Amino acid sequence: MIINPLNLSLGTRSYPDFTDNLEPIYFFPKKDSMQTDISTQTIAGINNPTISQYFELLNAGDFSSLAALFAPDGVMYAPFESGIVGEDAIASYLQQEALGLKAEPHQGIIESQENDLVQLRVNGKVQMPLFGVNVSWLFILNSQQQIVSITVKLLASPQELLNLRR
């Protein structure tokens, strides 16, 4: 099955196409031996401690510590959700929605550095208990290396996204 990624352009600026290495969405559980331990994995193109901590804490299920990586008014834009603002709201959302999730970031790129903000895009895969999906994470960090915002996009066809919605 071939997957056509969603258009990830933001405004008129174009971004690198990471779709060459995308794998299909799996609608069955992967065997534990196929899952990757993030603590031993590097993200090609990204060497940022906040981004590394984000994925380590996400995979460990330590959502309170993960939410502490956000700026006080930090926002998470999760798939199918409006912005989730603030440490408590982000931790609560992740506790409800991300249990059992394993993120496998593969490659990333620093896209811009303006007004003391750094924008980084990471592409990879998320494995949930019942399915796996290709994902793009767009991080914006402030000068204190806090997450100002993160936008999580599922890279799948519109029909596949509809099938994932509860």
Protein backbone atom coordinates (compact mmCIF):
# COMPACT_ATOMS: atom_id res chain seq x y z
CA MET A 1 0.00 0.00 0.00
CA ILE A 2 1.38 3.45 -0.90
CA ILE A 3 0.74 6.30 1.52
CA ASN A 4 0.45 9.85 0.30
CA PRO A 5 1.58 12.16 3.12
CA LEU A 6 -0.55 15.15 3.97
CA ASN A 7 0.62 18.55 2.81
CA LEU A 8 2.85 19.81 5.62
CA SER A 9 3.60 23.24 4.18
CA LEU A 10 3.17 26.18 6.53
CA GLY A 11 2.32 29.27 4.54
CA THR A 12 4.41 29.93 1.47
CA ARG A 13 7.63 28.46 2.82
CA SER A 14 8.48 24.96 1.63
CA TYR A 15 10.11 22.38 3.85
CA PRO A 16 12.30 19.38 3.12
CA ASP A 17 10.45 16.29 1.99
CA PHE A 18 11.10 13.44 4.40
CA THR A 19 8.69 11.09 2.65
CA ASP A 20 11.38 9.06 0.89
CA ASN A 21 11.97 6.86 3.93
CA LEU A 22 8.37 6.50 5.12
CA GLU A 23 7.10 3.05 5.85
CA PRO A 24 3.47 1.94 5.59
CA ILE A 25 1.04 2.27 8.48
CA TYR A 26 0.65 -1.01 10.34
CA PHE A 27 -2.78 -1.91 11.61
CA PHE A 28 -1.58 -4.77 13.75
CA PRO A 29 0.69 -4.88 16.80
CA LYS A 30 4.39 -5.06 16.12
CA LYS A 31 6.43 -7.61 18.00
CA ASP A 32 8.40 -6.22 20.95
CA SER A 33 11.63 -7.27 19.28
CA MET A 34 10.88 -4.84 16.44
CA GLN A 35 10.46 -1.82 18.71
CA THR A 36 13.33 0.61 19.13
CA ASP A 37 14.63 1.82 22.50
CA ILE A 38 14.88 5.60 22.19
CA SER A 39 17.69 5.76 24.76
CA THR A 40 19.99 3.99 22.29
CA GLN A 41 18.69 5.76 19.19
CA THR A 42 19.95 9.03 17.76
CA ILE A 43 17.93 11.41 15.64
CA ALA A 44 19.79 12.14 12.43
CA GLY A 45 20.19 15.90 11.96
CA ILE A 46 19.13 16.86 15.52
CA ASN A 47 21.42 17.25 18.52
CA ASN A 48 19.22 19.07 21.04
CA PRO A 49 18.84 17.96 24.67
CA THR A 50 15.23 19.19 24.96
CA ILE A 51 14.16 17.19 21.91
CA SER A 52 16.00 14.08 23.17
CA GLN A 53 14.40 14.45 26.61
CA TYR A 54 10.95 14.89 25.02
CA PHE A 55 11.16 11.51 23.30
CA GLU A 56 12.80 9.74 26.25
CA LEU A 57 10.10 10.97 28.66
CA LEU A 58 7.29 10.27 26.18
CA ASN A 59 8.43 6.67 25.74
CA ALA A 60 8.92 6.26 29.50
CA GLY A 61 5.36 7.45 30.14
CA ASP A 62 6.68 10.24 32.42
CA PHE A 63 4.16 12.79 31.22
CA SER A 64 4.53 15.21 34.15
CA SER A 65 8.27 15.55 33.50
CA LEU A 66 7.63 15.82 29.76
CA ALA A 67 5.10 18.62 30.31
CA ALA A 68 7.70 20.46 32.43
CA LEU A 69 9.79 20.84 29.24
CA PHE A 70 7.17 23.33 27.97
CA ALA A 71 7.27 27.08 28.54
CA PRO A 72 4.59 28.23 31.05
CA ASP A 73 2.22 29.09 28.18
CA GLY A 74 3.47 26.28 25.95
CA VAL A 75 1.01 24.67 23.54
CA MET A 76 0.68 21.13 22.20
CA TYR A 77 -1.24 20.73 18.96
CA ALA A 78 -2.07 17.03 18.89
CA PRO A 79 -3.86 15.28 16.01
CA PHE A 80 -7.62 15.87 16.03
CA GLU A 81 -7.30 18.36 18.93
CA SER A 82 -7.26 22.12 19.36
CA GLY A 83 -4.29 23.61 21.21
CA ILE A 84 -3.63 22.16 24.66
CA VAL A 85 -2.12 24.94 26.78
CA GLY A 86 -0.05 24.70 29.94
CA GLU A 87 1.88 22.06 31.84
CA ASP A 88 -1.08 20.54 33.72
CA ALA A 89 -3.32 20.31 30.66
CA ILE A 90 -0.55 18.77 28.54
CA ALA A 91 0.34 16.19 31.23
CA SER A 92 -3.35 15.29 31.65
CA TYR A 93 -3.89 14.93 27.89
CA LEU A 94 -0.84 12.70 27.49
CA GLN A 95 -1.88 10.56 30.46
CA GLN A 96 -5.22 9.92 28.76
CA GLU A 97 -4.05 9.56 25.16
CA ALA A 98 -0.41 8.43 25.09
CA LEU A 99 -0.24 5.45 27.43
CA GLY A 100 1.56 2.61 25.68
CA LEU A 101 2.84 4.89 22.93
CA LYS A 102 6.38 4.35 21.62
CA ALA A 103 7.85 7.14 19.53
CA GLU A 104 10.60 6.29 17.06
CA PRO A 105 12.10 9.55 15.76
CA HIS A 106 14.24 8.90 12.69
CA GLN A 107 15.47 12.17 11.24
CA GLY A 108 15.18 15.86 11.81
CA ILE A 109 16.20 19.28 10.65
CA ILE A 110 16.57 22.72 12.20
CA GLU A 111 14.37 24.88 10.00
CA SER A 112 14.72 28.42 11.31
CA GLN A 113 16.19 30.57 14.04
CA GLU A 114 14.40 33.89 14.41
CA ASN A 115 13.48 36.13 17.36
CA ASP A 116 15.31 33.83 19.78
CA LEU A 117 13.08 30.95 18.63
CA VAL A 118 14.33 27.75 17.04
CA GLN A 119 12.08 25.59 14.87
CA LEU A 120 12.92 21.92 14.49
CA ARG A 121 11.08 19.23 12.53
CA VAL A 122 11.46 15.56 13.39
CA ASN A 123 9.96 12.75 11.33
CA GLY A 124 9.52 9.20 12.52
CA LYS A 125 6.95 6.71 13.63
CA VAL A 126 4.65 6.19 16.58
CA GLN A 127 3.72 2.69 17.61
CA MET A 128 0.48 2.36 19.59
CA PRO A 129 -0.77 -0.91 21.05
CA LEU A 130 -3.03 -1.58 18.03
CA PHE A 131 -1.35 0.26 15.15
CA GLY A 132 1.68 2.22 13.97
CA VAL A 133 1.69 5.48 12.05
CA ASN A 134 4.28 7.79 10.50
CA VAL A 135 4.46 11.13 12.32
CA SER A 136 6.00 14.58 11.99
CA TRP A 137 6.73 16.65 15.09
CA LEU A 138 7.28 20.39 14.63
CA PHE A 139 8.92 21.91 17.72
CA ILE A 140 9.41 25.60 18.46
CA LEU A 141 11.87 26.25 21.30
CA ASN A 142 12.62 29.54 23.07
CA SER A 143 16.08 30.78 24.08
CA GLN A 144 15.79 28.86 27.39
CA GLN A 145 15.27 25.65 25.35
CA GLN A 146 11.68 25.35 26.57
CA ILE A 147 9.04 24.07 24.17
CA VAL A 148 6.88 27.02 23.10
CA SER A 149 4.79 24.78 20.87
CA ILE A 150 4.76 21.37 19.30
CA THR A 151 2.56 20.35 16.40
CA VAL A 152 2.13 16.62 15.90
CA LYS A 153 0.96 15.56 12.44
CA LEU A 154 0.04 12.07 11.34
CA LEU A 155 1.49 11.27 7.92
CA ALA A 156 -1.24 9.18 6.36
CA SER A 157 -3.91 9.43 3.70
CA PRO A 158 -7.16 11.17 4.70
CA GLN A 159 -9.00 7.83 4.67
CA GLU A 160 -6.43 6.23 6.97
CA LEU A 161 -6.71 9.18 9.35
CA LEU A 162 -10.48 8.81 9.43
CA ASN A 163 -10.06 5.13 10.30
CA LEU A 164 -7.83 6.09 13.26
CA ARG A 165 -10.27 8.62 14.72
CA ARG A 166 -12.30 7.29 17.65
